């Protein structure tokens, strides 16, 4: 499957290019294989927006490919197949089971 994108709110700014720093708000769903259960959010108390260099493999493949097609200001839900998320290893600390499909609600805040 890879990554599937559902736009929640269109953006009005530019799209990122490989190598740019992208800052996002993100909420991840799929704890214990339940896509309604949140496992992490930058909007939780004590958390901050998340910044990463896009197109460099520093985040899961679903983010690298999914966020690349988003505009600043856009909010979208990305559904990532296991090979585009945490794969066979999962992420046990967050309750992500091996080979889990995950959903991420992402808002692109800024590009540098």
PDB file of N, CA and C in Angstrom:
ATOM      1  N   UNK A   1       0.825  -1.199   0.000  1.00  0.00           N
ATOM      2  CA  UNK A   1       0.000   0.000   0.000  1.00  0.00           C
ATOM      3  C   UNK A   1       0.860   1.250   0.000  1.00  0.00           C
ATOM      4  N   UNK A   2       1.918   1.288   0.773  1.00  0.00           N
ATOM      5  CA  UNK A   2       2.729   2.503   0.840  1.00  0.00           C
ATOM      6  C   UNK A   2       2.083   3.518   1.751  1.00  0.00           C
ATOM      7  N   UNK A   3       1.840   4.703   1.201  1.00  0.00           N
ATOM      8  CA  UNK A   3       1.196   5.766   1.983  1.00  0.00           C
ATOM      9  C   UNK A   3       0.027   6.310   1.177  1.00  0.00           C
ATOM     10  N   UNK A   4      -1.116   6.458   1.858  1.00  0.00           N
ATOM     11  CA  UNK A   4      -2.310   7.050   1.264  1.00  0.00           C
ATOM     12  C   UNK A   4      -2.612   8.333   2.013  1.00  0.00           C
ATOM     13  N   UNK A   5      -2.940   9.397   1.255  1.00  0.00           N
ATOM     14  CA  UNK A   5      -3.181  10.706   1.876  1.00  0.00           C
ATOM     15  C   UNK A   5      -4.638  11.118   1.706  1.00  0.00           C
ATOM     16  N   UNK A   6      -5.230  11.592   2.801  1.00  0.00           N
ATOM     17  CA  UNK A   6      -6.562  12.182   2.784  1.00  0.00           C
ATOM     18  C   UNK A   6      -6.420  13.607   3.300  1.00  0.00           C
ATOM     19  N   UNK A   7      -6.700  14.589   2.454  1.00  0.00           N
ATOM     20  CA  UNK A   7      -6.577  15.997   2.849  1.00  0.00           C
ATOM     21  C   UNK A   7      -7.748  16.371   3.755  1.00  0.00           C
ATOM     22  N   UNK A   8      -7.422  16.935   4.902  1.00  0.00           N
ATOM     23  CA  UNK A   8      -8.429  17.426   5.849  1.00  0.00           C
ATOM     24  C   UNK A   8      -8.641  18.919   5.637  1.00  0.00           C
ATOM     25  N   UNK A   9      -7.535  19.652   5.466  1.00  0.00           N
ATOM     26  CA  UNK A   9      -7.588  21.091   5.188  1.00  0.00           C
ATOM     27  C   UNK A   9      -6.492  21.414   4.182  1.00  0.00           C
ATOM     28  N   UNK A  10      -6.838  21.966   3.018  1.00  0.00           N
ATOM     29  CA  UNK A  10      -5.802  22.315   2.039  1.00  0.00           C
ATOM     30  C   UNK A  10      -4.859  23.383   2.576  1.00  0.00           C
ATOM     31  N   UNK A  11      -3.634  23.343   2.112  1.00  0.00           N
ATOM     32  CA  UNK A  11      -2.661  24.369   2.458  1.00  0.00           C
ATOM     33  C   UNK A  11      -2.632  25.453   1.414  1.00  0.00           C
ATOM     34  N   UNK A  12      -1.907  26.521   1.722  1.00  0.00           N
ATOM     35  CA  UNK A  12      -1.790  27.636   0.777  1.00  0.00           C
ATOM     36  C   UNK A  12      -0.331  27.978   0.490  1.00  0.00           C
ATOM     37  N   UNK A  13       0.589  27.335   1.184  1.00  0.00           N
ATOM     38  CA  UNK A  13       2.003  27.661   1.034  1.00  0.00           C
ATOM     39  C   UNK A  13       2.711  26.696   0.098  1.00  0.00           C
ATOM     40  N   UNK A  14       4.028  26.816   0.048  1.00  0.00           N
ATOM     41  CA  UNK A  14       4.825  25.965  -0.838  1.00  0.00           C
ATOM     42  C   UNK A  14       4.894  24.520  -0.339  1.00  0.00           C
ATOM     43  N   UNK A  15       5.293  23.638  -1.247  1.00  0.00           N
ATOM     44  CA  UNK A  15       5.556  22.241  -0.901  1.00  0.00           C
ATOM     45  C   UNK A  15       7.045  22.088  -0.622  1.00  0.00           C
ATOM     46  N   UNK A  16       7.415  21.179   0.291  1.00  0.00           N
ATOM     47  CA  UNK A  16       8.837  20.987   0.588  1.00  0.00           C
ATOM     48  C   UNK A  16       9.575  20.296  -0.547  1.00  0.00           C
ATOM     49  N   UNK A  17      10.879  20.511  -0.572  1.00  0.00           N
ATOM     50  CA  UNK A  17      11.759  19.798  -1.485  1.00  0.00           C
ATOM     51  C   UNK A  17      12.778  19.035  -0.652  1.00  0.00           C
ATOM     52  N   UNK A  18      13.313  17.975  -1.218  1.00  0.00           N
ATOM     53  CA  UNK A  18      14.255  17.121  -0.496  1.00  0.00           C
ATOM     54  C   UNK A  18      15.387  17.949   0.103  1.00  0.00           C
ATOM     55  N   UNK A  19      15.694  17.673   1.357  1.00  0.00           N
ATOM     56  CA  UNK A  19      16.772  18.359   2.064  1.00  0.00           C
ATOM     57  C   UNK A  19      16.320  19.526   2.916  1.00  0.00           C
ATOM     58  N   UNK A  20      15.083  19.989   2.719  1.00  0.00           N
ATOM     59  CA  UNK A  20      14.587  21.096   3.538  1.00  0.00           C
ATOM     60  C   UNK A  20      14.219  20.595   4.932  1.00  0.00           C
ATOM     61  N   UNK A  21      14.300  21.486   5.917  1.00  0.00           N
ATOM     62  CA  UNK A  21      13.783  21.191   7.249  1.00  0.00           C
ATOM     63  C   UNK A  21      12.295  21.505   7.249  1.00  0.00           C
ATOM     64  N   UNK A  22      11.503  20.528   7.666  1.00  0.00           N
ATOM     65  CA  UNK A  22      10.054  20.665   7.723  1.00  0.00           C
ATOM     66  C   UNK A  22       9.630  20.569   9.187  1.00  0.00           C
ATOM     67  N   UNK A  23       8.789  21.500   9.632  1.00  0.00           N
ATOM     68  CA  UNK A  23       8.255  21.455  10.991  1.00  0.00           C
ATOM     69  C   UNK A  23       6.775  21.129  10.894  1.00  0.00           C
ATOM     70  N   UNK A  24       6.349  20.127  11.683  1.00  0.00           N
ATOM     71  CA  UNK A  24       4.969  19.648  11.626  1.00  0.00           C
ATOM     72  C   UNK A  24       4.395  19.482  13.028  1.00  0.00           C
ATOM     73  N   UNK A  25       3.076  19.542  13.090  1.00  0.00           N
ATOM     74  CA  UNK A  25       2.341  18.985  14.217  1.00  0.00           C
ATOM     75  C   UNK A  25       1.884  17.623  13.751  1.00  0.00           C
ATOM     76  N   UNK A  26       1.920  16.641  14.630  1.00  0.00           N
ATOM     77  CA  UNK A  26       1.549  15.290  14.241  1.00  0.00           C
ATOM     78  C   UNK A  26       0.899  14.558  15.399  1.00  0.00           C
ATOM     79  N   UNK A  27      -0.113  13.769  15.066  1.00  0.00           N
ATOM     80  CA  UNK A  27      -0.706  12.832  16.008  1.00  0.00           C
ATOM     81  C   UNK A  27      -0.720  11.470  15.324  1.00  0.00           C
ATOM     82  N   UNK A  28      -0.160  10.470  16.000  1.00  0.00           N
ATOM     83  CA  UNK A  28      -0.081   9.124  15.451  1.00  0.00           C
ATOM     84  C   UNK A  28      -1.123   8.211  16.078  1.00  0.00           C
ATOM     85  N   UNK A  29      -1.756   7.396  15.234  1.00  0.00           N
ATOM     86  CA  UNK A  29      -2.791   6.466  15.666  1.00  0.00           C
ATOM     87  C   UNK A  29      -2.428   5.045  15.230  1.00  0.00           C
ATOM     88  N   UNK A  30      -2.820   4.080  16.048  1.00  0.00           N
ATOM     89  CA  UNK A  30      -2.587   2.683  15.713  1.00  0.00           C
ATOM     90  C   UNK A  30      -2.016   1.892  16.880  1.00  0.00           C
ATOM     91  N   UNK A  31      -2.151   2.443  18.071  1.00  0.00           N
ATOM     92  CA  UNK A  31      -1.646   1.757  19.260  1.00  0.00           C
ATOM     93  C   UNK A  31      -2.353   0.403  19.392  1.00  0.00           C
ATOM     94  N   UNK A  32      -1.550  -0.630  19.584  1.00  0.00           N
ATOM     95  CA  UNK A  32      -2.073  -2.002  19.715  1.00  0.00           C
ATOM     96  C   UNK A  32      -3.004  -2.378  18.560  1.00  0.00           C
ATOM     97  N   UNK A  33      -2.637  -1.936  17.364  1.00  0.00           N
ATOM     98  CA  UNK A  33      -3.350  -2.222  16.100  1.00  0.00           C
ATOM     99  C   UNK A  33      -4.747  -1.603  16.011  1.00  0.00           C
ATOM    100  N   UNK A  34      -5.052  -0.637  16.851  1.00  0.00           N
ATOM    101  CA  UNK A  34      -6.356   0.027  16.851  1.00  0.00           C
ATOM    102  C   UNK A  34      -6.155   1.440  16.299  1.00  0.00           C
ATOM    103  N   UNK A  35      -6.632   1.670  15.070  1.00  0.00           N
ATOM    104  CA  UNK A  35      -6.398   2.956  14.403  1.00  0.00           C
ATOM    105  C   UNK A  35      -7.171   4.114  15.039  1.00  0.00           C
ATOM    106  N   UNK A  36      -7.977   3.848  16.046  1.00  0.00           N
ATOM    107  CA  UNK A  36      -8.633   4.941  16.775  1.00  0.00           C
ATOM    108  C   UNK A  36      -7.844   5.311  18.033  1.00  0.00           C
ATOM    109  N   UNK A  37      -6.811   4.540  18.355  1.00  0.00           N
ATOM    110  CA  UNK A  37      -6.043   4.775  19.575  1.00  0.00           C
ATOM    111  C   UNK A  37      -4.760   5.550  19.290  1.00  0.00           C
ATOM    112  N   UNK A  38      -4.633   6.719  19.910  1.00  0.00           N
ATOM    113  CA  UNK A  38      -3.439   7.566  19.751  1.00  0.00           C
ATOM    114  C   UNK A  38      -2.262   6.949  20.492  1.00  0.00           C
ATOM    115  N   UNK A  39      -1.079   7.003  19.848  1.00  0.00           N
ATOM    116  CA  UNK A  39       0.129   6.566  20.562  1.00  0.00           C
ATOM    117  C   UNK A  39       1.085   7.715  20.834  1.00  0.00           C
ATOM    118  N   UNK A  40       0.905   8.864  20.181  1.00  0.00           N
ATOM    119  CA  UNK A  40       1.815   9.996  20.357  1.00  0.00           C
ATOM    120  C   UNK A  40       1.248  11.217  19.665  1.00  0.00           C
ATOM    121  N   UNK A  41       1.507  12.397  20.221  1.00  0.00           N
ATOM    122  CA  UNK A  41       1.101  13.634  19.571  1.00  0.00           C
ATOM    123  C   UNK A  41       1.999  14.779  20.002  1.00  0.00           C
ATOM    124  N   UNK A  42       2.333  15.622  19.042  1.00  0.00           N
ATOM    125  CA  UNK A  42       3.084  16.839  19.357  1.00  0.00           C
ATOM    126  C   UNK A  42       2.206  17.841  20.089  1.00  0.00           C
ATOM    127  N   UNK A  43       0.908  17.595  20.117  1.00  0.00           N
ATOM    128  CA  UNK A  43      -0.016  18.498  20.802  1.00  0.00           C
ATOM    129  C   UNK A  43      -0.267  18.080  22.241  1.00  0.00           C
ATOM    130  N   UNK A  44       0.329  16.970  22.681  1.00  0.00           N
ATOM    131  CA  UNK A  44       0.205  16.536  24.072  1.00  0.00           C
ATOM    132  C   UNK A  44       0.962  17.514  24.972  1.00  0.00           C
ATOM    133  N   UNK A  45       0.552  17.621  26.244  1.00  0.00           N
ATOM    134  CA  UNK A  45       1.265  18.505  27.176  1.00  0.00           C
ATOM    135  C   UNK A  45       2.763  18.177  27.227  1.00  0.00           C
ATOM    136  N   UNK A  46       3.572  19.220  27.146  1.00  0.00           N
ATOM    137  CA  UNK A  46       5.019  19.060  27.221  1.00  0.00           C
ATOM    138  C   UNK A  46       5.687  18.748  25.893  1.00  0.00           C
ATOM    139  N   UNK A  47       4.908  18.505  24.853  1.00  0.00           N
ATOM    140  CA  UNK A  47       5.465  18.205  23.534  1.00  0.00           C
ATOM    141  C   UNK A  47       5.575  19.488  22.708  1.00  0.00           C
ATOM    142  N   UNK A  48       6.397  19.435  21.660  1.00  0.00           N
ATOM    143  CA  UNK A  48       6.599  20.569  20.756  1.00  0.00           C
ATOM    144  C   UNK A  48       6.420  20.087  19.326  1.00  0.00           C
ATOM    145  N   UNK A  49       6.219  21.006  18.373  1.00  0.00           N
ATOM    146  CA  UNK A  49       6.207  20.595  16.974  1.00  0.00           C
ATOM    147  C   UNK A  49       7.488  19.830  16.648  1.00  0.00           C
ATOM    148  N   UNK A  50       7.390  18.935  15.679  1.00  0.00           N
ATOM    149  CA  UNK A  50       8.496  18.050  15.304  1.00  0.00           C
ATOM    150  C   UNK A  50       9.122  18.549  14.006  1.00  0.00           C
ATOM    151  N   UNK A  51      10.447  18.669  13.980  1.00  0.00           N
ATOM    152  CA  UNK A  51      11.162  19.121  12.792  1.00  0.00           C
ATOM    153  C   UNK A  51      12.064  18.001  12.285  1.00  0.00           C
ATOM    154  N   UNK A  52      12.128  17.862  10.957  1.00  0.00           N
ATOM    155  CA  UNK A  52      12.998  16.855  10.347  1.00  0.00           C
ATOM    156  C   UNK A  52      13.411  17.304   8.951  1.00  0.00           C
ATOM    157  N   UNK A  53      14.502  16.735   8.484  1.00  0.00           N
ATOM    158  CA  UNK A  53      14.993  17.015   7.136  1.00  0.00           C
ATOM    159  C   UNK A  53      14.316  16.015   6.197  1.00  0.00           C
ATOM    160  N   UNK A  54      13.496  16.524   5.281  1.00  0.00           N
ATOM    161  CA  UNK A  54      12.681  15.662   4.437  1.00  0.00           C
ATOM    162  C   UNK A  54      13.485  15.041   3.287  1.00  0.00           C
ATOM    163  N   UNK A  55      13.108  13.825   2.940  1.00  0.00           N
ATOM    164  CA  UNK A  55      13.723  13.144   1.797  1.00  0.00           C
ATOM    165  C   UNK A  55      15.099  12.582   2.089  1.00  0.00           C
ATOM    166  N   UNK A  56      15.459  12.483   3.368  1.00  0.00           N
ATOM    167  CA  UNK A  56      16.796  12.028   3.727  1.00  0.00           C
ATOM    168  C   UNK A  56      16.776  10.697   4.489  1.00  0.00           C
ATOM    169  N   UNK A  57      15.595  10.108   4.676  1.00  0.00           N
ATOM    170  CA  UNK A  57      15.498   8.848   5.399  1.00  0.00           C
ATOM    171  C   UNK A  57      15.630   8.981   6.908  1.00  0.00           C
ATOM    172  N   UNK A  58      15.454  10.201   7.441  1.00  0.00           N
ATOM    173  CA  UNK A  58      15.585  10.400   8.895  1.00  0.00           C
ATOM    174  C   UNK A  58      14.285  10.100   9.639  1.00  0.00           C
ATOM    175  N   UNK A  59      13.196   9.896   8.903  1.00  0.00           N
ATOM    176  CA  UNK A  59      11.891   9.542   9.474  1.00  0.00           C
ATOM    177  C   UNK A  59      11.358   8.333   8.700  1.00  0.00           C
ATOM    178  N   UNK A  60      10.239   7.786   9.135  1.00  0.00           N
ATOM    179  CA  UNK A  60       9.677   6.648   8.414  1.00  0.00           C
ATOM    180  C   UNK A  60       9.337   7.046   6.974  1.00  0.00           C
ATOM    181  N   UNK A  61       9.358   6.055   6.097  1.00  0.00           N
ATOM    182  CA  UNK A  61       9.156   6.294   4.664  1.00  0.00           C
ATOM    183  C   UNK A  61       7.808   6.964   4.374  1.00  0.00           C
ATOM    184  N   UNK A  62       6.776   6.601   5.146  1.00  0.00           N
ATOM    185  CA  UNK A  62       5.466   7.218   4.945  1.00  0.00           C
ATOM    186  C   UNK A  62       5.472   8.721   5.153  1.00  0.00           C
ATOM    187  N   UNK A  63       6.283   9.177   6.124  1.00  0.00           N
ATOM    188  CA  UNK A  63       6.418  10.624   6.334  1.00  0.00           C
ATOM    189  C   UNK A  63       7.231  11.251   5.211  1.00  0.00           C
ATOM    190  N   UNK A  64       8.360  10.648   4.863  1.00  0.00           N
ATOM    191  CA  UNK A  64       9.206  11.221   3.814  1.00  0.00           C
ATOM    192  C   UNK A  64       8.410  11.417   2.525  1.00  0.00           C
ATOM    193  N   UNK A  65       7.656  10.414   2.118  1.00  0.00           N
ATOM    194  CA  UNK A  65       6.902  10.501   0.867  1.00  0.00           C
ATOM    195  C   UNK A  65       5.602  11.281   1.026  1.00  0.00           C
ATOM    196  N   UNK A  66       4.882  11.057   2.128  1.00  0.00           N
ATOM    197  CA  UNK A  66       3.590  11.714   2.306  1.00  0.00           C
ATOM    198  C   UNK A  66       3.690  13.209   2.520  1.00  0.00           C
ATOM    199  N   UNK A  67       4.622  13.637   3.362  1.00  0.00           N
ATOM    200  CA  UNK A  67       4.762  15.064   3.658  1.00  0.00           C
ATOM    201  C   UNK A  67       5.353  15.816   2.468  1.00  0.00           C
ATOM    202  N   UNK A  68       6.142  15.120   1.646  1.00  0.00           N
ATOM    203  CA  UNK A  68       6.734  15.758   0.454  1.00  0.00           C
ATOM    204  C   UNK A  68       5.656  16.353  -0.450  1.00  0.00           C
ATOM    205  N   UNK A  69       4.481  15.750  -0.486  1.00  0.00           N
ATOM    206  CA  UNK A  69       3.413  16.239  -1.353  1.00  0.00           C
ATOM    207  C   UNK A  69       2.465  17.216  -0.683  1.00  0.00           C
ATOM    208  N   UNK A  70       2.772  17.630   0.542  1.00  0.00           N
ATOM    209  CA  UNK A  70       1.896  18.545   1.278  1.00  0.00           C
ATOM    210  C   UNK A  70       2.381  19.987   1.171  1.00  0.00           C
ATOM    211  N   UNK A  71       1.464  20.935   1.373  1.00  0.00           N
ATOM    212  CA  UNK A  71       1.794  22.357   1.380  1.00  0.00           C
ATOM    213  C   UNK A  71       1.819  22.888   2.806  1.00  0.00           C
ATOM    214  N   UNK A  72       2.554  23.974   3.009  1.00  0.00           N
ATOM    215  CA  UNK A  72       2.510  24.654   4.303  1.00  0.00           C
ATOM    216  C   UNK A  72       1.061  25.039   4.589  1.00  0.00           C
ATOM    217  N   UNK A  73       0.605  24.745   5.801  1.00  0.00           N
ATOM    218  CA  UNK A  73      -0.765  25.029   6.210  1.00  0.00           C
ATOM    219  C   UNK A  73      -1.712  23.863   5.995  1.00  0.00           C
ATOM    220  N   UNK A  74      -1.290  22.870   5.224  1.00  0.00           N
ATOM    221  CA  UNK A  74      -2.146  21.711   4.950  1.00  0.00           C
ATOM    222  C   UNK A  74      -2.208  20.781   6.156  1.00  0.00           C
ATOM    223  N   UNK A  75      -3.388  20.218   6.369  1.00  0.00           N
ATOM    224  CA  UNK A  75      -3.573  19.160   7.351  1.00  0.00           C
ATOM    225  C   UNK A  75      -4.070  17.937   6.579  1.00  0.00           C
ATOM    226  N   UNK A  76      -3.402  16.816   6.776  1.00  0.00           N
ATOM    227  CA  UNK A  76      -3.780  15.597   6.069  1.00  0.00           C
ATOM    228  C   UNK A  76      -3.606  14.400   6.977  1.00  0.00           C
ATOM    229  N   UNK A  77      -4.328  13.348   6.662  1.00  0.00           N
ATOM    230  CA  UNK A  77      -4.190  12.070   7.363  1.00  0.00           C
ATOM    231  C   UNK A  77      -3.447  11.137   6.424  1.00  0.00           C
ATOM    232  N   UNK A  78      -2.316  10.631   6.902  1.00  0.00           N
ATOM    233  CA  UNK A  78      -1.507   9.696   6.124  1.00  0.00           C
ATOM    234  C   UNK A  78      -1.684   8.303   6.705  1.00  0.00           C
ATOM    235  N   UNK A  79      -2.122   7.358   5.879  1.00  0.00           N
ATOM    236  CA  UNK A  79      -2.201   5.960   6.303  1.00  0.00           C
ATOM    237  C   UNK A  79      -0.995   5.251   5.702  1.00  0.00           C
ATOM    238  N   UNK A  80      -0.197   4.652   6.590  1.00  0.00           N
ATOM    239  CA  UNK A  80       1.061   4.027   6.189  1.00  0.00           C
ATOM    240  C   UNK A  80       0.997   2.518   6.385  1.00  0.00           C
ATOM    241  N   UNK A  81       1.334   1.774   5.337  1.00  0.00           N
ATOM    242  CA  UNK A  81       1.437   0.324   5.472  1.00  0.00           C
ATOM    243  C   UNK A  81       2.655   0.016   6.338  1.00  0.00           C
ATOM    244  N   UNK A  82       2.755  -1.195   6.891  1.00  0.00           N
ATOM    245  CA  UNK A  82       3.866  -1.511   7.791  1.00  0.00           C
ATOM    246  C   UNK A  82       5.250  -1.206   7.220  1.00  0.00           C
ATOM    247  N   UNK A  83       5.454  -1.473   5.922  1.00  0.00           N
ATOM    248  CA  UNK A  83       6.766  -1.218   5.323  1.00  0.00           C
ATOM    249  C   UNK A  83       7.062   0.272   5.170  1.00  0.00           C
ATOM    250  N   UNK A  84       6.045   1.129   5.318  1.00  0.00           N
ATOM    251  CA  UNK A  84       6.224   2.581   5.272  1.00  0.00           C
ATOM    252  C   UNK A  84       6.157   3.179   6.681  1.00  0.00           C
ATOM    253  N   UNK A  85       6.005   2.293   7.694  1.00  0.00           N
ATOM    254  CA  UNK A  85       5.943   2.730   9.087  1.00  0.00           C
ATOM    255  C   UNK A  85       7.104   2.090   9.850  1.00  0.00           C
ATOM    256  N   UNK A  86       6.817   1.278  10.849  1.00  0.00           N
ATOM    257  CA  UNK A  86       7.879   0.703  11.684  1.00  0.00           C
ATOM    258  C   UNK A  86       8.163  -0.765  11.393  1.00  0.00           C
ATOM    259  N   UNK A  87       7.514  -1.322  10.369  1.00  0.00           N
ATOM    260  CA  UNK A  87       7.844  -2.646   9.868  1.00  0.00           C
ATOM    261  C   UNK A  87       7.719  -3.774  10.873  1.00  0.00           C
ATOM    262  N   UNK A  88       8.541  -4.788  10.670  1.00  0.00           N
ATOM    263  CA  UNK A  88       8.492  -6.017  11.466  1.00  0.00           C
ATOM    264  C   UNK A  88       8.886  -5.790  12.917  1.00  0.00           C
ATOM    265  N   UNK A  89       9.656  -4.749  13.187  1.00  0.00           N
ATOM    266  CA  UNK A  89      10.089  -4.484  14.555  1.00  0.00           C
ATOM    267  C   UNK A  89       9.063  -3.750  15.393  1.00  0.00           C
ATOM    268  N   UNK A  90       8.132  -3.038  14.739  1.00  0.00           N
ATOM    269  CA  UNK A  90       7.193  -2.212  15.464  1.00  0.00           C
ATOM    270  C   UNK A  90       7.918  -1.129  16.248  1.00  0.00           C
ATOM    271  N   UNK A  91       7.274  -0.594  17.244  1.00  0.00           N
ATOM    272  CA  UNK A  91       7.863   0.388  18.158  1.00  0.00           C
ATOM    273  C   UNK A  91       7.226   0.120  19.510  1.00  0.00           C
ATOM    274  N   UNK A  92       7.701  -0.926  20.214  1.00  0.00           N
ATOM    275  CA  UNK A  92       7.053  -1.376  21.454  1.00  0.00           C
ATOM    276  C   UNK A  92       6.871  -0.287  22.506  1.00  0.00           C
ATOM    277  N   UNK A  93       7.788   0.649  22.609  1.00  0.00           N
ATOM    278  CA  UNK A  93       7.676   1.690  23.638  1.00  0.00           C
ATOM    279  C   UNK A  93       6.413   2.529  23.467  1.00  0.00           C
ATOM    280  N   UNK A  94       5.910   2.619  22.241  1.00  0.00           N
ATOM    281  CA  UNK A  94       4.700   3.395  21.968  1.00  0.00           C
ATOM    282  C   UNK A  94       3.481   2.500  21.770  1.00  0.00           C
ATOM    283  N   UNK A  95       3.617   1.196  21.971  1.00  0.00           N
ATOM    284  CA  UNK A  95       2.497   0.283  21.778  1.00  0.00           C
ATOM    285  C   UNK A  95       2.234  -0.048  20.324  1.00  0.00           C
ATOM    286  N   UNK A  96       3.223   0.175  19.460  1.00  0.00           N
ATOM    287  CA  UNK A  96       3.075  -0.154  18.042  1.00  0.00           C
ATOM    288  C   UNK A  96       3.558  -1.590  17.842  1.00  0.00           C
ATOM    289  N   UNK A  97       2.619  -2.451  17.467  1.00  0.00           N
ATOM    290  CA  UNK A  97       2.920  -3.862  17.279  1.00  0.00           C
ATOM    291  C   UNK A  97       3.671  -4.078  15.965  1.00  0.00           C
ATOM    292  N   UNK A  98       4.410  -5.193  15.849  1.00  0.00           N
ATOM    293  CA  UNK A  98       5.076  -5.511  14.579  1.00  0.00           C
ATOM    294  C   UNK A  98       4.071  -5.537  13.425  1.00  0.00           C
ATOM    295  N   UNK A  99       4.519  -5.068  12.270  1.00  0.00           N
ATOM    296  CA  UNK A  99       3.726  -5.086  11.034  1.00  0.00           C
ATOM    297  C   UNK A  99       2.372  -4.401  11.163  1.00  0.00           C
ATOM    298  N   UNK A 100       2.351  -3.235  11.794  1.00  0.00           N
ATOM    299  CA  UNK A 100       1.111  -2.478  11.987  1.00  0.00           C
ATOM    300  C   UNK A 100       0.920  -1.409  10.921  1.00  0.00           C
ATOM    301  N   UNK A 101      -0.332  -1.274  10.469  1.00  0.00           N
ATOM    302  CA  UNK A 101      -0.747  -0.115   9.671  1.00  0.00           C
ATOM    303  C   UNK A 101      -0.937   1.028  10.661  1.00  0.00           C
ATOM    304  N   UNK A 102      -0.454   2.228  10.305  1.00  0.00           N
ATOM    305  CA  UNK A 102      -0.573   3.392  11.186  1.00  0.00           C
ATOM    306  C   UNK A 102      -1.187   4.571  10.441  1.00  0.00           C
ATOM    307  N   UNK A 103      -1.897   5.415  11.178  1.00  0.00           N
ATOM    308  CA  UNK A 103      -2.417   6.678  10.652  1.00  0.00           C
ATOM    309  C   UNK A 103      -1.718   7.826  11.367  1.00  0.00           C
ATOM    310  N   UNK A 104      -1.401   8.860  10.602  1.00  0.00           N
ATOM    311  CA  UNK A 104      -0.806  10.070  11.170  1.00  0.00           C
ATOM    312  C   UNK A 104      -1.590  11.273  10.664  1.00  0.00           C
ATOM    313  N   UNK A 105      -2.054  12.113  11.582  1.00  0.00           N
ATOM    314  CA  UNK A 105      -2.645  13.383  11.189  1.00  0.00           C
ATOM    315  C   UNK A 105      -1.534  14.424  11.292  1.00  0.00           C
ATOM    316  N   UNK A 106      -1.192  15.005  10.162  1.00  0.00           N
ATOM    317  CA  UNK A 106      -0.034  15.900  10.083  1.00  0.00           C
ATOM    318  C   UNK A 106      -0.456  17.269   9.565  1.00  0.00           C
ATOM    319  N   UNK A 107       0.060  18.301  10.227  1.00  0.00           N
ATOM    320  CA  UNK A 107      -0.094  19.680   9.768  1.00  0.00           C
ATOM    321  C   UNK A 107       1.299  20.230   9.484  1.00  0.00           C
ATOM    322  N   UNK A 108       1.514  20.677   8.259  1.00  0.00           N
ATOM    323  CA  UNK A 108       2.808  21.275   7.915  1.00  0.00           C
ATOM    324  C   UNK A 108       2.780  22.726   8.380  1.00  0.00           C
ATOM    325  N   UNK A 109       3.701  23.048   9.307  1.00  0.00           N
ATOM    326  CA  UNK A 109       3.741  24.375   9.911  1.00  0.00           C
ATOM    327  C   UNK A 109       4.684  25.305   9.142  1.00  0.00           C
ATOM    328  N   UNK A 110       5.896  24.805   8.837  1.00  0.00           N
ATOM    329  CA  UNK A 110       6.874  25.672   8.178  1.00  0.00           C
ATOM    330  C   UNK A 110       7.937  24.859   7.461  1.00  0.00           C
ATOM    331  N   UNK A 111       8.642  25.540   6.564  1.00  0.00           N
ATOM    332  CA  UNK A 111       9.778  24.974   5.822  1.00  0.00           C
ATOM    333  C   UNK A 111      10.967  25.897   5.992  1.00  0.00           C
ATOM    334  N   UNK A 112      12.170  25.310   6.026  1.00  0.00           N
ATOM    335  CA  UNK A 112      13.400  26.126   6.046  1.00  0.00           C
ATOM    336  C   UNK A 112      14.356  25.582   5.022  1.00  0.00           C
TER     337      UNK A 112
END
